[in-house]
Amino acid sequence: MGRKGSQFIDKLRIFVKAGSGSPGNPKIRGKGGNGGSIFLAAEENRTLEDVLLSNPKKRFIARSGRPASSRRGICLAANAEDTVVKVPVGISVSVSSTSRGAAGSQRFLGDINEAGQKLLVAKGGIGGLPITNYIGTPGEAHSIVLDLKLMADVGLIGLPNAGKSSLLQALSGAKAKIASYPFTTLRPQMAQISYPDHRVISMTDLPGLADIAAKFDVSRLSESERSIPEQGHPPPIDETRLPPLTHTAFLKHVERTSCILVVLDALGFQANQFSPYRSPVDSALLLVSQLQRYASGRLLGKPLLCAINKVLFNLFFLILFRLKCLLPYC
């Protein structure tokens, strides 16, 4: 099986070009037809993979309006139909600049968070009028970026092999890939939990913090940074001694969740035989520091819960006591 078929796409760049306005006719003072605009419309159970498969060239071009004609007796020409591109729910749309002077800059267009919601991304040109000397205007054309952010009630985060997929399967019954080795979850997984009172809660499982876990070393922190306070928040960490925040783009899926569930392995974590061993408390410190550094700490403003997995009963109260001291706001 090829890897392309199982690839998870959460960001897609497409080119959109609205139709141009057709020229008018000065002989009969006829107006040209307006060009078609391009809209994005959210649809349930649709993914960015479907958008890519429906148009592999990733070019969406609307038609131009019909011109006014004295020979055909068309004084008021017909407008072109708008083009509607169906996209998944929960995407942010921005215009990507390709000019050299503004390389990498993006202009935000809007969010699509509900099924049936539409967003105008390229406006069609206006047909020829006397005020424009019967010359039609061109339609807008630019590249836009569709950035998918999963919309779930609960987001599961943790280090690799902490048991996030097992917890998701136990709570929802979803068929998640489970194995006894790290990095089993390679793409976000989403499931729903139904209750007898007909409440439905959505939960998403995110990949483990693999890159950060491999580079972070708790021994590099000072004694004051590692100390557990009796009350209040953990002391600030000097970010100059921390590894760069890379390969954490999937944390954007947590931005729209209602709360965050941190899953910890009670037996600790060790990526491989060459990596340092981290206790559950060190793992919690690592995860909280990454949440604090990502998106200017906005993720820490969400309700934060902690689940201890693979726990032995005689170690439970010891780990719970140290976590309460470390995370008093959880």
C-alpha atoms as a PDB file:
ATOM      1  CA  MET A   1       0.000   0.000   0.000  1.00  0.00           C
ATOM      2  CA  GLY A   2       1.350   3.417  -0.916  1.00  0.00           C
ATOM      3  CA  ARG A   3       1.794   6.059   1.712  1.00  0.00           C
ATOM      4  CA  LYS A   4      -0.152   8.617  -0.294  1.00  0.00           C
ATOM      5  CA  GLY A   5      -3.444   6.888   0.366  1.00  0.00           C
ATOM      6  CA  SER A   6      -3.081   7.051   4.146  1.00  0.00           C
ATOM      7  CA  GLN A   7      -1.651  10.583   4.327  1.00  0.00           C
ATOM      8  CA  PHE A   8      -3.474  12.970   6.611  1.00  0.00           C
ATOM      9  CA  ILE A   9      -3.803  16.453   5.137  1.00  0.00           C
ATOM     10  CA  ASP A  10      -4.498  19.362   7.473  1.00  0.00           C
ATOM     11  CA  LYS A  11      -3.210  22.174   5.222  1.00  0.00           C
ATOM     12  CA  LEU A  12      -3.875  22.647   1.531  1.00  0.00           C
ATOM     13  CA  ARG A  13      -2.975  25.467  -0.851  1.00  0.00           C
ATOM     14  CA  ILE A  14      -5.276  26.037  -3.813  1.00  0.00           C
ATOM     15  CA  PHE A  15      -5.540  28.648  -6.559  1.00  0.00           C
ATOM     16  CA  VAL A  16      -8.840  30.445  -7.097  1.00  0.00           C
ATOM     17  CA  LYS A  17      -9.698  32.794  -9.960  1.00  0.00           C
ATOM     18  CA  ALA A  18     -13.038  34.512 -10.275  1.00  0.00           C
ATOM     19  CA  GLY A  19     -14.572  35.195 -13.652  1.00  0.00           C
ATOM     20  CA  SER A  20     -14.026  38.509 -15.395  1.00  0.00           C
ATOM     21  CA  GLY A  21     -16.790  40.924 -16.265  1.00  0.00           C
ATOM     22  CA  SER A  22     -17.666  40.904 -19.952  1.00  0.00           C
ATOM     23  CA  PRO A  23     -17.633  44.091 -22.025  1.00  0.00           C
ATOM     24  CA  GLY A  24     -20.771  46.099 -22.601  1.00  0.00           C
ATOM     25  CA  ASN A  25     -22.019  47.528 -25.890  1.00  0.00           C
ATOM     26  CA  PRO A  26     -21.935  51.321 -26.352  1.00  0.00           C
ATOM     27  CA  LYS A  27     -24.220  51.163 -29.394  1.00  0.00           C
ATOM     28  CA  ILE A  28     -27.204  49.952 -27.405  1.00  0.00           C
ATOM     29  CA  ARG A  29     -25.823  51.084 -24.046  1.00  0.00           C
ATOM     30  CA  GLY A  30     -25.821  47.444 -23.041  1.00  0.00           C
ATOM     31  CA  LYS A  31     -24.287  46.148 -19.827  1.00  0.00           C
ATOM     32  CA  GLY A  32     -21.944  43.182 -19.795  1.00  0.00           C
ATOM     33  CA  GLY A  33     -22.480  40.250 -17.492  1.00  0.00           C
ATOM     34  CA  ASN A  34     -20.686  39.967 -14.163  1.00  0.00           C
ATOM     35  CA  GLY A  35     -18.095  37.246 -13.673  1.00  0.00           C
ATOM     36  CA  GLY A  36     -18.747  34.369 -11.351  1.00  0.00           C
ATOM     37  CA  SER A  37     -17.400  34.494  -7.804  1.00  0.00           C
ATOM     38  CA  ILE A  38     -15.845  31.615  -5.870  1.00  0.00           C
ATOM     39  CA  PHE A  39     -17.221  30.569  -2.490  1.00  0.00           C
ATOM     40  CA  LEU A  40     -16.107  27.967   0.027  1.00  0.00           C
ATOM     41  CA  ALA A  41     -18.968  25.998   1.588  1.00  0.00           C
ATOM     42  CA  ALA A  42     -18.533  23.754   4.616  1.00  0.00           C
ATOM     43  CA  GLU A  43     -19.894  20.205   4.429  1.00  0.00           C
ATOM     44  CA  GLU A  44     -20.037  17.496   7.057  1.00  0.00           C
ATOM     45  CA  ASN A  45     -17.876  14.374   6.649  1.00  0.00           C
ATOM     46  CA  ARG A  46     -15.669  16.053   4.083  1.00  0.00           C
ATOM     47  CA  THR A  47     -11.893  16.179   4.287  1.00  0.00           C
ATOM     48  CA  LEU A  48      -9.126  18.064   2.558  1.00  0.00           C
ATOM     49  CA  GLU A  49      -8.216  14.786   0.866  1.00  0.00           C
ATOM     50  CA  ASP A  50     -11.611  14.903  -0.845  1.00  0.00           C
ATOM     51  CA  VAL A  51     -10.921  18.441  -2.037  1.00  0.00           C
ATOM     52  CA  LEU A  52      -7.595  17.317  -3.472  1.00  0.00           C
ATOM     53  CA  LEU A  53      -9.051  14.233  -5.150  1.00  0.00           C
ATOM     54  CA  SER A  54     -11.903  16.204  -6.711  1.00  0.00           C
ATOM     55  CA  ASN A  55      -9.419  18.617  -8.309  1.00  0.00           C
ATOM     56  CA  PRO A  56      -5.827  17.283  -8.337  1.00  0.00           C
ATOM     57  CA  LYS A  57      -4.546  20.427 -10.078  1.00  0.00           C
ATOM     58  CA  LYS A  58      -5.879  22.531  -7.184  1.00  0.00           C
ATOM     59  CA  ARG A  59      -7.093  25.239  -9.549  1.00  0.00           C
ATOM     60  CA  PHE A  60     -10.663  26.511  -9.259  1.00  0.00           C
ATOM     61  CA  ILE A  61     -11.634  28.971 -12.013  1.00  0.00           C
ATOM     62  CA  ALA A  62     -15.056  30.535 -12.418  1.00  0.00           C
ATOM     63  CA  ARG A  63     -16.571  31.542 -15.734  1.00  0.00           C
ATOM     64  CA  SER A  64     -16.819  35.044 -17.132  1.00  0.00           C
ATOM     65  CA  GLY A  65     -20.107  36.818 -17.795  1.00  0.00           C
ATOM     66  CA  ARG A  66     -21.787  36.938 -21.180  1.00  0.00           C
ATOM     67  CA  PRO A  67     -21.137  40.045 -23.308  1.00  0.00           C
ATOM     68  CA  ALA A  68     -23.814  42.469 -24.459  1.00  0.00           C
ATOM     69  CA  SER A  69     -24.601  42.152 -28.160  1.00  0.00           C
ATOM     70  CA  SER A  70     -26.539  44.403 -30.504  1.00  0.00           C
ATOM     71  CA  ARG A  71     -26.750  41.667 -33.145  1.00  0.00           C
ATOM     72  CA  ARG A  72     -28.368  39.255 -30.735  1.00  0.00           C
ATOM     73  CA  GLY A  73     -30.382  41.938 -29.026  1.00  0.00           C
ATOM     74  CA  ILE A  74     -28.768  41.346 -25.632  1.00  0.00           C
ATOM     75  CA  CYS A  75     -28.856  44.653 -23.806  1.00  0.00           C
ATOM     76  CA  LEU A  76     -28.522  43.255 -20.285  1.00  0.00           C
ATOM     77  CA  ALA A  77     -26.159  40.309 -20.487  1.00  0.00           C
ATOM     78  CA  ALA A  78     -26.455  37.358 -18.127  1.00  0.00           C
ATOM     79  CA  ASN A  79     -24.119  36.968 -15.175  1.00  0.00           C
ATOM     80  CA  ALA A  80     -21.963  33.884 -14.804  1.00  0.00           C
ATOM     81  CA  GLU A  81     -22.805  31.328 -12.135  1.00  0.00           C
ATOM     82  CA  ASP A  82     -20.794  31.287  -8.948  1.00  0.00           C
ATOM     83  CA  THR A  83     -18.441  28.378  -8.240  1.00  0.00           C
ATOM     84  CA  VAL A  84     -18.849  26.665  -4.871  1.00  0.00           C
ATOM     85  CA  VAL A  85     -15.977  24.590  -3.484  1.00  0.00           C
ATOM     86  CA  LYS A  86     -17.016  22.137  -0.767  1.00  0.00           C
ATOM     87  CA  VAL A  87     -14.577  22.054   2.160  1.00  0.00           C
ATOM     88  CA  PRO A  88     -14.562  20.408   5.612  1.00  0.00           C
ATOM     89  CA  VAL A  89     -15.874  22.093   8.716  1.00  0.00           C
ATOM     90  CA  GLY A  90     -13.311  23.840  10.924  1.00  0.00           C
ATOM     91  CA  ILE A  91     -10.886  25.481   8.513  1.00  0.00           C
ATOM     92  CA  SER A  92      -9.166  28.854   8.569  1.00  0.00           C
ATOM     93  CA  VAL A  93      -8.733  30.555   5.204  1.00  0.00           C
ATOM     94  CA  SER A  94      -5.971  33.003   4.395  1.00  0.00           C
ATOM     95  CA  VAL A  95      -4.521  34.508   1.242  1.00  0.00           C
ATOM     96  CA  SER A  96      -0.904  33.568   0.666  1.00  0.00           C
ATOM     97  CA  SER A  97       1.241  36.310  -0.831  1.00  0.00           C
ATOM     98  CA  THR A  98       3.658  35.213  -3.556  1.00  0.00           C
ATOM     99  CA  SER A  99       5.295  38.584  -4.121  1.00  0.00           C
ATOM    100  CA  ARG A 100       8.968  38.941  -3.285  1.00  0.00           C
ATOM    101  CA  GLY A 101       8.446  41.960  -1.092  1.00  0.00           C
ATOM    102  CA  ALA A 102       5.909  40.188   1.115  1.00  0.00           C
ATOM    103  CA  ALA A 103       7.214  36.648   1.042  1.00  0.00           C
ATOM    104  CA  GLY A 104       5.548  34.435   3.589  1.00  0.00           C
ATOM    105  CA  SER A 105       2.914  37.018   4.619  1.00  0.00           C
ATOM    106  CA  GLN A 106      -0.715  35.957   4.779  1.00  0.00           C
ATOM    107  CA  ARG A 107      -3.983  37.875   4.893  1.00  0.00           C
ATOM    108  CA  PHE A 108      -6.691  36.258   6.966  1.00  0.00           C
ATOM    109  CA  LEU A 109     -10.054  35.844   5.214  1.00  0.00           C
ATOM    110  CA  GLY A 110     -12.150  34.032   7.808  1.00  0.00           C
ATOM    111  CA  ASP A 111     -13.113  30.797   9.555  1.00  0.00           C
ATOM    112  CA  ILE A 112     -15.685  28.211   8.512  1.00  0.00           C
ATOM    113  CA  ASN A 113     -16.933  26.499  11.646  1.00  0.00           C
ATOM    114  CA  GLU A 114     -20.474  25.354  10.792  1.00  0.00           C
ATOM    115  CA  ALA A 115     -21.908  23.097   8.125  1.00  0.00           C
ATOM    116  CA  GLY A 116     -23.514  25.090   5.323  1.00  0.00           C
ATOM    117  CA  GLN A 117     -21.504  28.225   6.097  1.00  0.00           C
ATOM    118  CA  LYS A 118     -20.119  30.022   3.036  1.00  0.00           C
ATOM    119  CA  LEU A 119     -17.109  32.268   2.633  1.00  0.00           C
ATOM    120  CA  LEU A 120     -16.319  34.472  -0.365  1.00  0.00           C
ATOM    121  CA  VAL A 121     -12.692  33.978  -1.407  1.00  0.00           C
ATOM    122  CA  ALA A 122     -12.636  35.520  -4.900  1.00  0.00           C
ATOM    123  CA  LYS A 123     -15.092  38.161  -6.130  1.00  0.00           C
ATOM    124  CA  GLY A 124     -16.109  38.176  -9.766  1.00  0.00           C
ATOM    125  CA  GLY A 125     -15.489  41.138 -12.042  1.00  0.00           C
ATOM    126  CA  ILE A 126     -18.168  43.686 -12.926  1.00  0.00           C
ATOM    127  CA  GLY A 127     -19.559  43.817 -16.446  1.00  0.00           C
ATOM    128  CA  GLY A 128     -18.965  46.789 -18.705  1.00  0.00           C
ATOM    129  CA  LEU A 129     -20.929  49.944 -17.813  1.00  0.00           C
ATOM    130  CA  PRO A 130     -20.962  53.499 -19.134  1.00  0.00           C
ATOM    131  CA  ILE A 131     -18.958  54.573 -16.089  1.00  0.00           C
ATOM    132  CA  THR A 132     -16.224  52.057 -16.996  1.00  0.00           C
ATOM    133  CA  ASN A 133     -16.370  52.939 -20.698  1.00  0.00           C
ATOM    134  CA  TYR A 134     -18.125  49.575 -21.251  1.00  0.00           C
ATOM    135  CA  ILE A 135     -14.999  47.678 -20.250  1.00  0.00           C
ATOM    136  CA  GLY A 136     -15.401  44.761 -17.876  1.00  0.00           C
ATOM    137  CA  THR A 137     -13.201  44.452 -14.783  1.00  0.00           C
ATOM    138  CA  PRO A 138     -11.124  41.330 -14.095  1.00  0.00           C
ATOM    139  CA  GLY A 139     -12.008  38.949 -11.303  1.00  0.00           C
ATOM    140  CA  GLU A 140      -9.867  38.376  -8.243  1.00  0.00           C
ATOM    141  CA  ALA A 141      -7.181  35.714  -8.477  1.00  0.00           C
ATOM    142  CA  HIS A 142      -4.877  34.485  -5.714  1.00  0.00           C
ATOM    143  CA  SER A 143      -3.624  31.434  -3.875  1.00  0.00           C
ATOM    144  CA  ILE A 144      -5.354  30.638  -0.611  1.00  0.00           C
ATOM    145  CA  VAL A 145      -4.380  28.305   2.213  1.00  0.00           C
ATOM    146  CA  LEU A 146      -6.953  26.031   3.828  1.00  0.00           C
ATOM    147  CA  ASP A 147      -5.766  25.278   7.356  1.00  0.00           C
ATOM    148  CA  LEU A 148      -7.792  22.562   9.058  1.00  0.00           C
ATOM    149  CA  LYS A 149      -8.128  22.675  12.839  1.00  0.00           C
ATOM    150  CA  LEU A 150     -10.080  19.802  14.322  1.00  0.00           C
ATOM    151  CA  MET A 151     -13.105  20.874  16.358  1.00  0.00           C
ATOM    152  CA  ALA A 152     -13.457  18.580  19.362  1.00  0.00           C
ATOM    153  CA  ASP A 153     -14.612  18.892  22.953  1.00  0.00           C
ATOM    154  CA  VAL A 154     -11.581  17.128  24.439  1.00  0.00           C
ATOM    155  CA  GLY A 155      -8.042  16.973  23.079  1.00  0.00           C
ATOM    156  CA  LEU A 156      -5.657  14.205  24.210  1.00  0.00           C
ATOM    157  CA  ILE A 157      -1.991  15.123  24.380  1.00  0.00           C
ATOM    158  CA  GLY A 158       0.982  13.344  25.879  1.00  0.00           C
ATOM    159  CA  LEU A 159       4.333  11.789  25.182  1.00  0.00           C
ATOM    160  CA  PRO A 160       4.593   8.817  22.803  1.00  0.00           C
ATOM    161  CA  ASN A 161       3.295   5.474  24.084  1.00  0.00           C
ATOM    162  CA  ALA A 162       1.450   7.090  27.001  1.00  0.00           C
ATOM    163  CA  GLY A 163      -1.751   5.218  26.128  1.00  0.00           C
ATOM    164  CA  LYS A 164      -3.741   7.992  24.431  1.00  0.00           C
ATOM    165  CA  SER A 165      -5.087   5.724  21.695  1.00  0.00           C
ATOM    166  CA  SER A 166      -5.980   3.041  24.241  1.00  0.00           C
ATOM    167  CA  LEU A 167      -7.885   5.599  26.292  1.00  0.00           C
ATOM    168  CA  LEU A 168      -9.697   6.860  23.207  1.00  0.00           C
ATOM    169  CA  GLN A 169     -10.704   3.323  22.243  1.00  0.00           C
ATOM    170  CA  ALA A 170     -11.826   2.450  25.769  1.00  0.00           C
ATOM    171  CA  LEU A 171     -14.019   5.537  26.071  1.00  0.00           C
ATOM    172  CA  SER A 172     -15.503   5.673  22.585  1.00  0.00           C
ATOM    173  CA  GLY A 173     -15.111   2.183  21.135  1.00  0.00           C
ATOM    174  CA  ALA A 174     -13.375   3.654  18.085  1.00  0.00           C
ATOM    175  CA  LYS A 175     -10.962   1.463  16.172  1.00  0.00           C
ATOM    176  CA  ALA A 176      -7.648   3.157  16.870  1.00  0.00           C
ATOM    177  CA  LYS A 177      -4.277   1.671  16.072  1.00  0.00           C
ATOM    178  CA  ILE A 178      -2.706   0.447  19.319  1.00  0.00           C
ATOM    179  CA  ALA A 179       0.750  -1.021  19.827  1.00  0.00           C
ATOM    180  CA  SER A 180       3.318  -1.347  22.587  1.00  0.00           C
ATOM    181  CA  TYR A 181       5.902   0.843  20.828  1.00  0.00           C
ATOM    182  CA  PRO A 182       6.129   4.640  20.653  1.00  0.00           C
ATOM    183  CA  PHE A 183       4.910   6.824  17.791  1.00  0.00           C
ATOM    184  CA  THR A 184       2.006   4.538  16.895  1.00  0.00           C
ATOM    185  CA  THR A 185      -0.325   7.468  16.228  1.00  0.00           C
ATOM    186  CA  LEU A 186       0.993   9.285  13.172  1.00  0.00           C
ATOM    187  CA  ARG A 187      -2.033  11.483  12.478  1.00  0.00           C
ATOM    188  CA  PRO A 188      -4.882  12.930  14.571  1.00  0.00           C
ATOM    189  CA  GLN A 189      -7.786  10.593  15.268  1.00  0.00           C
ATOM    190  CA  MET A 190     -11.257  11.745  16.223  1.00  0.00           C
ATOM    191  CA  ALA A 191     -14.076   9.820  17.890  1.00  0.00           C
ATOM    192  CA  GLN A 192     -17.391  10.474  19.617  1.00  0.00           C
ATOM    193  CA  ILE A 193     -18.553   9.366  23.052  1.00  0.00           C
ATOM    194  CA  SER A 194     -22.306   8.852  23.490  1.00  0.00           C
ATOM    195  CA  TYR A 195     -24.031   8.921  26.885  1.00  0.00           C
ATOM    196  CA  PRO A 196     -27.403   7.435  27.927  1.00  0.00           C
ATOM    197  CA  ASP A 197     -28.901  10.939  28.216  1.00  0.00           C
ATOM    198  CA  HIS A 198     -28.151  11.449  24.479  1.00  0.00           C
ATOM    199  CA  ARG A 199     -25.190  13.744  25.078  1.00  0.00           C
ATOM    200  CA  VAL A 200     -22.377  13.369  22.578  1.00  0.00           C
ATOM    201  CA  ILE A 201     -18.789  14.454  23.275  1.00  0.00           C
ATOM    202  CA  SER A 202     -16.104  14.467  20.613  1.00  0.00           C
ATOM    203  CA  MET A 203     -12.524  13.554  21.500  1.00  0.00           C
ATOM    204  CA  THR A 204      -9.371  13.757  19.405  1.00  0.00           C
ATOM    205  CA  ASP A 205      -6.116  11.868  19.850  1.00  0.00           C
ATOM    206  CA  LEU A 206      -2.984  13.703  18.716  1.00  0.00           C
ATOM    207  CA  PRO A 207       0.474  12.297  17.931  1.00  0.00           C
ATOM    208  CA  GLY A 208       3.008  12.270  20.736  1.00  0.00           C
ATOM    209  CA  LEU A 209       5.523  15.045  21.215  1.00  0.00           C
ATOM    210  CA  ALA A 210       8.238  12.995  19.565  1.00  0.00           C
ATOM    211  CA  ASP A 211      10.766  15.637  18.541  1.00  0.00           C
ATOM    212  CA  ILE A 212      10.578  17.597  21.775  1.00  0.00           C
ATOM    213  CA  ALA A 213      10.718  14.417  23.847  1.00  0.00           C
ATOM    214  CA  ALA A 214      13.924  13.390  22.108  1.00  0.00           C
ATOM    215  CA  LYS A 215      15.711  16.702  22.707  1.00  0.00           C
ATOM    216  CA  PHE A 216      14.416  17.824  26.092  1.00  0.00           C
ATOM    217  CA  ASP A 217      16.622  17.028  29.049  1.00  0.00           C
ATOM    218  CA  VAL A 218      15.329  17.858  32.512  1.00  0.00           C
ATOM    219  CA  SER A 219      18.877  17.832  33.903  1.00  0.00           C
ATOM    220  CA  ARG A 220      19.553  21.026  31.960  1.00  0.00           C
ATOM    221  CA  LEU A 221      17.117  22.918  34.192  1.00  0.00           C
ATOM    222  CA  SER A 222      18.259  24.700  37.324  1.00  0.00           C
ATOM    223  CA  GLU A 223      17.217  23.626  40.810  1.00  0.00           C
ATOM    224  CA  SER A 224      14.760  26.521  41.095  1.00  0.00           C
ATOM    225  CA  GLU A 225      13.140  25.577  37.791  1.00  0.00           C
ATOM    226  CA  ARG A 226      12.804  21.931  38.805  1.00  0.00           C
ATOM    227  CA  SER A 227      11.547  22.672  42.293  1.00  0.00           C
ATOM    228  CA  ILE A 228       7.897  21.970  43.057  1.00  0.00           C
ATOM    229  CA  PRO A 229       6.243  24.936  44.786  1.00  0.00           C
ATOM    230  CA  GLU A 230       3.850  24.498  47.653  1.00  0.00           C
ATOM    231  CA  GLN A 231       1.302  26.720  45.974  1.00  0.00           C
ATOM    232  CA  GLY A 232       0.855  28.765  42.823  1.00  0.00           C
ATOM    233  CA  HIS A 233       2.156  28.139  39.336  1.00  0.00           C
ATOM    234  CA  PRO A 234       5.428  26.417  38.507  1.00  0.00           C
ATOM    235  CA  PRO A 235       8.390  28.799  38.306  1.00  0.00           C
ATOM    236  CA  PRO A 236       9.193  30.234  34.863  1.00  0.00           C
ATOM    237  CA  ILE A 237      11.635  28.244  32.779  1.00  0.00           C
ATOM    238  CA  ASP A 238      14.550  29.824  30.966  1.00  0.00           C
ATOM    239  CA  GLU A 239      13.678  29.086  27.347  1.00  0.00           C
ATOM    240  CA  THR A 240      17.256  29.672  26.197  1.00  0.00           C
ATOM    241  CA  ARG A 241      18.155  26.246  27.587  1.00  0.00           C
ATOM    242  CA  LEU A 242      15.220  24.520  25.920  1.00  0.00           C
ATOM    243  CA  PRO A 243      15.253  22.991  22.430  1.00  0.00           C
ATOM    244  CA  PRO A 244      13.536  24.876  19.595  1.00  0.00           C
ATOM    245  CA  LEU A 245       9.801  24.397  19.321  1.00  0.00           C
ATOM    246  CA  THR A 246       9.628  22.305  16.137  1.00  0.00           C
ATOM    247  CA  HIS A 247       7.363  19.533  14.828  1.00  0.00           C
ATOM    248  CA  THR A 248       4.500  20.705  17.041  1.00  0.00           C
ATOM    249  CA  ALA A 249       2.222  21.928  14.264  1.00  0.00           C
ATOM    250  CA  PHE A 250      -0.411  19.394  15.321  1.00  0.00           C
ATOM    251  CA  LEU A 251      -0.976  21.429  18.493  1.00  0.00           C
ATOM    252  CA  LYS A 252      -3.090  23.743  16.361  1.00  0.00           C
ATOM    253  CA  HIS A 253      -5.816  21.094  16.609  1.00  0.00           C
ATOM    254  CA  VAL A 254      -5.989  21.798  20.354  1.00  0.00           C
ATOM    255  CA  GLU A 255      -6.778  25.492  19.827  1.00  0.00           C
ATOM    256  CA  ARG A 256     -10.474  24.801  19.176  1.00  0.00           C
ATOM    257  CA  THR A 257     -11.013  22.140  21.824  1.00  0.00           C
ATOM    258  CA  SER A 258     -13.014  22.940  24.942  1.00  0.00           C
ATOM    259  CA  CYS A 259     -10.508  21.302  27.296  1.00  0.00           C
ATOM    260  CA  ILE A 260      -7.192  19.455  27.229  1.00  0.00           C
ATOM    261  CA  LEU A 261      -6.627  16.021  28.729  1.00  0.00           C
ATOM    262  CA  VAL A 262      -2.963  15.322  29.469  1.00  0.00           C
ATOM    263  CA  VAL A 263      -2.244  11.575  29.474  1.00  0.00           C
ATOM    264  CA  LEU A 264       0.782  10.460  31.504  1.00  0.00           C
ATOM    265  CA  ASP A 265       2.428   7.072  31.750  1.00  0.00           C
ATOM    266  CA  ALA A 266       2.777   6.118  35.418  1.00  0.00           C
ATOM    267  CA  LEU A 267       5.874   4.092  34.553  1.00  0.00           C
ATOM    268  CA  GLY A 268       7.620   7.091  33.029  1.00  0.00           C
ATOM    269  CA  PHE A 269       8.927   7.592  29.525  1.00  0.00           C
ATOM    270  CA  GLN A 270      12.145   6.763  27.695  1.00  0.00           C
ATOM    271  CA  ALA A 271      12.295   7.214  23.922  1.00  0.00           C
ATOM    272  CA  ASN A 272      15.147   4.713  23.447  1.00  0.00           C
ATOM    273  CA  GLN A 273      18.085   3.222  25.301  1.00  0.00           C
ATOM    274  CA  PHE A 274      20.179   6.310  24.637  1.00  0.00           C
ATOM    275  CA  SER A 275      17.599   8.804  25.893  1.00  0.00           C
ATOM    276  CA  PRO A 276      17.247   9.841  29.541  1.00  0.00           C
ATOM    277  CA  TYR A 277      14.464   8.366  31.612  1.00  0.00           C
ATOM    278  CA  ARG A 278      11.697  10.768  32.618  1.00  0.00           C
ATOM    279  CA  SER A 279       9.395  10.234  35.539  1.00  0.00           C
ATOM    280  CA  PRO A 280       5.688  11.115  35.263  1.00  0.00           C
ATOM    281  CA  VAL A 281       6.397  14.425  37.002  1.00  0.00           C
ATOM    282  CA  ASP A 282       9.174  15.260  34.517  1.00  0.00           C
ATOM    283  CA  SER A 283       6.848  14.315  31.668  1.00  0.00           C
ATOM    284  CA  ALA A 284       4.155  16.642  33.018  1.00  0.00           C
ATOM    285  CA  LEU A 285       6.714  19.435  33.312  1.00  0.00           C
ATOM    286  CA  LEU A 286       7.758  18.866  29.712  1.00  0.00           C
ATOM    287  CA  LEU A 287       4.192  18.951  28.386  1.00  0.00           C
ATOM    288  CA  VAL A 288       3.192  22.046  30.333  1.00  0.00           C
ATOM    289  CA  SER A 289       6.314  23.895  29.179  1.00  0.00           C
ATOM    290  CA  GLN A 290       5.477  23.128  25.547  1.00  0.00           C
ATOM    291  CA  LEU A 291       1.883  24.279  25.967  1.00  0.00           C
ATOM    292  CA  GLN A 292       3.211  27.456  27.525  1.00  0.00           C
ATOM    293  CA  ARG A 293       5.594  28.135  24.635  1.00  0.00           C
ATOM    294  CA  TYR A 294       3.127  27.340  21.841  1.00  0.00           C
ATOM    295  CA  ALA A 295       0.869  30.166  20.596  1.00  0.00           C
ATOM    296  CA  SER A 296       2.073  32.556  23.324  1.00  0.00           C
ATOM    297  CA  GLY A 297       0.628  30.346  26.057  1.00  0.00           C
ATOM    298  CA  ARG A 298      -3.009  30.589  24.911  1.00  0.00           C
ATOM    299  CA  LEU A 299      -3.484  26.847  25.328  1.00  0.00           C
ATOM    300  CA  LEU A 300      -2.920  27.115  29.078  1.00  0.00           C
ATOM    301  CA  GLY A 301      -6.051  29.247  29.282  1.00  0.00           C
ATOM    302  CA  LYS A 302      -8.170  26.160  28.593  1.00  0.00           C
ATOM    303  CA  PRO A 303      -9.374  23.755  31.303  1.00  0.00           C
ATOM    304  CA  LEU A 304      -6.590  21.226  31.829  1.00  0.00           C
ATOM    305  CA  LEU A 305      -7.156  17.714  33.138  1.00  0.00           C
ATOM    306  CA  CYS A 306      -4.631  14.991  33.859  1.00  0.00           C
ATOM    307  CA  ALA A 307      -5.086  11.235  33.389  1.00  0.00           C
ATOM    308  CA  ILE A 308      -2.509   8.783  34.783  1.00  0.00           C
ATOM    309  CA  ASN A 309      -2.359   5.637  32.664  1.00  0.00           C
ATOM    310  CA  LYS A 310      -0.750   2.219  33.293  1.00  0.00           C
ATOM    311  CA  VAL A 311      -0.821   2.965  36.985  1.00  0.00           C
ATOM    312  CA  LEU A 312       0.129   0.673  39.842  1.00  0.00           C
ATOM    313  CA  PHE A 313      -2.054   1.215  42.903  1.00  0.00           C
ATOM    314  CA  ASN A 314       0.836   1.606  45.341  1.00  0.00           C
ATOM    315  CA  LEU A 315       2.376   4.360  43.196  1.00  0.00           C
ATOM    316  CA  PHE A 316      -0.846   6.196  42.433  1.00  0.00           C
ATOM    317  CA  PHE A 317      -1.060   8.407  45.515  1.00  0.00           C
ATOM    318  CA  LEU A 318       2.635   9.351  45.356  1.00  0.00           C
ATOM    319  CA  ILE A 319       2.378  10.428  41.723  1.00  0.00           C
ATOM    320  CA  LEU A 320      -0.919  12.195  42.342  1.00  0.00           C
ATOM    321  CA  PHE A 321       0.546  14.194  45.231  1.00  0.00           C
ATOM    322  CA  ARG A 322       3.529  15.407  43.198  1.00  0.00           C
ATOM    323  CA  LEU A 323       1.341  16.287  40.201  1.00  0.00           C
ATOM    324  CA  LYS A 324      -0.992  18.326  42.395  1.00  0.00           C
ATOM    325  CA  CYS A 325       1.975  20.294  43.655  1.00  0.00           C
ATOM    326  CA  LEU A 326       3.315  20.797  40.153  1.00  0.00           C
ATOM    327  CA  LEU A 327      -0.013  21.544  38.462  1.00  0.00           C
ATOM    328  CA  PRO A 328      -2.185  23.273  41.070  1.00  0.00           C
ATOM    329  CA  TYR A 329      -4.362  24.837  38.386  1.00  0.00           C
ATOM    330  CA  CYS A 330      -5.311  21.537  36.724  1.00  0.00           C
END
